[in-house]
Amino acid sequence: MEIDQENSSKLKKWLQRVGWIGVAFFTLKGLVWLVVFYYGAESLKGCIGN
């Protein structure tokens, strides 16, 4: 019974760590895409304006 609790505790810690890493990863990924779209739109605006 004690071994099950220990494995469960390790699993919970691992999932929490992966969860926070996942949130951080997708937040940064979203911010990068916003920057890409912003500068992409700026460069298209420059091409159309000429």
N, C-alpha and C. Protein backbone atom coordinates (compact mmCIF):
# COMPACT_ATOMS: atom_id res chain seq x y z
N MET A 1 0.82 -1.20 0.00
CA MET A 1 0.00 0.00 0.00
C MET A 1 0.87 1.26 0.00
N GLU A 2 1.97 1.21 0.75
CA GLU A 2 2.84 2.38 0.83
C GLU A 2 3.52 2.66 -0.50
N ILE A 3 3.84 1.61 -1.25
CA ILE A 3 4.49 1.76 -2.55
C ILE A 3 3.55 2.47 -3.53
N ASP A 4 2.26 2.15 -3.49
CA ASP A 4 1.28 2.80 -4.37
C ASP A 4 1.21 4.29 -4.09
N GLN A 5 1.23 4.66 -2.82
CA GLN A 5 1.17 6.08 -2.47
C GLN A 5 2.42 6.81 -2.93
N GLU A 6 3.57 6.14 -2.80
CA GLU A 6 4.83 6.76 -3.22
C GLU A 6 4.84 6.97 -4.74
N ASN A 7 4.40 5.97 -5.49
CA ASN A 7 4.33 6.11 -6.95
C ASN A 7 3.33 7.17 -7.35
N SER A 8 2.21 7.23 -6.63
CA SER A 8 1.19 8.23 -6.92
C SER A 8 1.72 9.63 -6.66
N SER A 9 2.47 9.78 -5.58
CA SER A 9 3.05 11.08 -5.24
C SER A 9 4.06 11.51 -6.31
N LYS A 10 4.89 10.57 -6.75
CA LYS A 10 5.87 10.89 -7.79
C LYS A 10 5.17 11.27 -9.09
N LEU A 11 4.11 10.55 -9.41
CA LEU A 11 3.36 10.83 -10.62
C LEU A 11 2.72 12.22 -10.56
N LYS A 12 2.15 12.56 -9.42
CA LYS A 12 1.53 13.88 -9.27
C LYS A 12 2.57 14.99 -9.41
N LYS A 13 3.73 14.82 -8.80
CA LYS A 13 4.79 15.83 -8.91
C LYS A 13 5.24 15.98 -10.37
N TRP A 14 5.39 14.84 -11.07
CA TRP A 14 5.82 14.87 -12.46
C TRP A 14 4.78 15.58 -13.32
N LEU A 15 3.50 15.27 -13.12
CA LEU A 15 2.44 15.91 -13.90
C LEU A 15 2.36 17.40 -13.63
N GLN A 16 2.55 17.80 -12.39
CA GLN A 16 2.53 19.23 -12.08
C GLN A 16 3.68 19.95 -12.76
N ARG A 17 4.86 19.34 -12.74
CA ARG A 17 6.03 19.95 -13.37
C ARG A 17 5.83 20.06 -14.88
N VAL A 18 5.35 19.00 -15.50
CA VAL A 18 5.10 19.01 -16.94
C VAL A 18 3.99 20.00 -17.25
N GLY A 19 3.00 20.10 -16.39
CA GLY A 19 1.90 21.03 -16.59
C GLY A 19 2.38 22.47 -16.64
N TRP A 20 3.22 22.85 -15.70
CA TRP A 20 3.74 24.22 -15.68
C TRP A 20 4.67 24.48 -16.85
N ILE A 21 5.46 23.48 -17.20
CA ILE A 21 6.34 23.64 -18.36
C ILE A 21 5.50 23.79 -19.62
N GLY A 22 4.42 23.02 -19.71
CA GLY A 22 3.53 23.12 -20.86
C GLY A 22 2.88 24.49 -20.97
N VAL A 23 2.42 25.00 -19.84
CA VAL A 23 1.79 26.34 -19.84
C VAL A 23 2.81 27.39 -20.28
N ALA A 24 4.00 27.31 -19.73
CA ALA A 24 5.04 28.28 -20.10
C ALA A 24 5.40 28.16 -21.58
N PHE A 25 5.53 26.93 -22.07
CA PHE A 25 5.88 26.71 -23.47
C PHE A 25 4.84 27.30 -24.40
N PHE A 26 3.57 26.99 -24.17
CA PHE A 26 2.53 27.47 -25.08
C PHE A 26 2.31 28.97 -24.95
N THR A 27 2.55 29.54 -23.78
CA THR A 27 2.48 31.00 -23.64
C THR A 27 3.57 31.67 -24.47
N LEU A 28 4.78 31.17 -24.35
CA LEU A 28 5.88 31.74 -25.14
C LEU A 28 5.66 31.52 -26.63
N LYS A 29 5.16 30.35 -26.98
CA LYS A 29 4.89 30.07 -28.39
C LYS A 29 3.84 31.04 -28.94
N GLY A 30 2.81 31.30 -28.17
CA GLY A 30 1.78 32.25 -28.59
C GLY A 30 2.33 33.65 -28.76
N LEU A 31 3.18 34.07 -27.82
CA LEU A 31 3.78 35.40 -27.93
C LEU A 31 4.68 35.51 -29.16
N VAL A 32 5.42 34.45 -29.44
CA VAL A 32 6.28 34.46 -30.64
C VAL A 32 5.43 34.59 -31.89
N TRP A 33 4.32 33.86 -31.96
CA TRP A 33 3.46 33.95 -33.15
C TRP A 33 2.84 35.34 -33.28
N LEU A 34 2.49 35.97 -32.16
CA LEU A 34 1.97 37.34 -32.24
C LEU A 34 3.00 38.28 -32.84
N VAL A 35 4.25 38.14 -32.42
CA VAL A 35 5.33 38.97 -32.96
C VAL A 35 5.52 38.68 -34.45
N VAL A 36 5.49 37.41 -34.83
CA VAL A 36 5.66 37.04 -36.24
C VAL A 36 4.55 37.65 -37.08
N PHE A 37 3.30 37.53 -36.63
CA PHE A 37 2.18 38.09 -37.40
C PHE A 37 2.25 39.62 -37.45
N TYR A 38 2.65 40.25 -36.35
CA TYR A 38 2.74 41.71 -36.33
C TYR A 38 3.77 42.20 -37.35
N TYR A 39 4.98 41.64 -37.30
CA TYR A 39 6.01 42.08 -38.24
C TYR A 39 5.72 41.62 -39.66
N GLY A 40 5.04 40.49 -39.80
CA GLY A 40 4.62 40.05 -41.13
C GLY A 40 3.63 41.02 -41.74
N ALA A 41 2.68 41.49 -40.94
CA ALA A 41 1.69 42.45 -41.43
C ALA A 41 2.37 43.79 -41.76
N GLU A 42 3.33 44.18 -40.95
CA GLU A 42 4.06 45.42 -41.22
C GLU A 42 4.82 45.32 -42.54
N SER A 43 5.44 44.19 -42.80
CA SER A 43 6.20 44.06 -44.04
C SER A 43 5.24 43.99 -45.24
N LEU A 44 4.09 43.35 -45.10
CA LEU A 44 3.11 43.34 -46.19
C LEU A 44 2.56 44.73 -46.46
N LYS A 45 2.34 45.48 -45.40
CA LYS A 45 1.85 46.85 -45.56
C LYS A 45 2.87 47.69 -46.33
N GLY A 46 4.15 47.44 -46.04
CA GLY A 46 5.22 48.15 -46.76
C GLY A 46 5.27 47.76 -48.22
N CYS A 47 5.01 46.51 -48.56
CA CYS A 47 5.03 46.05 -49.95
C CYS A 47 3.84 46.61 -50.72
N ILE A 48 2.68 46.65 -50.10
CA ILE A 48 1.49 47.13 -50.78
C ILE A 48 1.54 48.64 -50.97
N GLY A 49 2.14 49.35 -50.03
CA GLY A 49 2.19 50.80 -50.09
C GLY A 49 3.11 51.31 -51.17
N ASN A 50 4.06 50.51 -51.60
CA ASN A 50 5.02 51.00 -52.61
C ASN A 50 4.46 50.89 -53.95
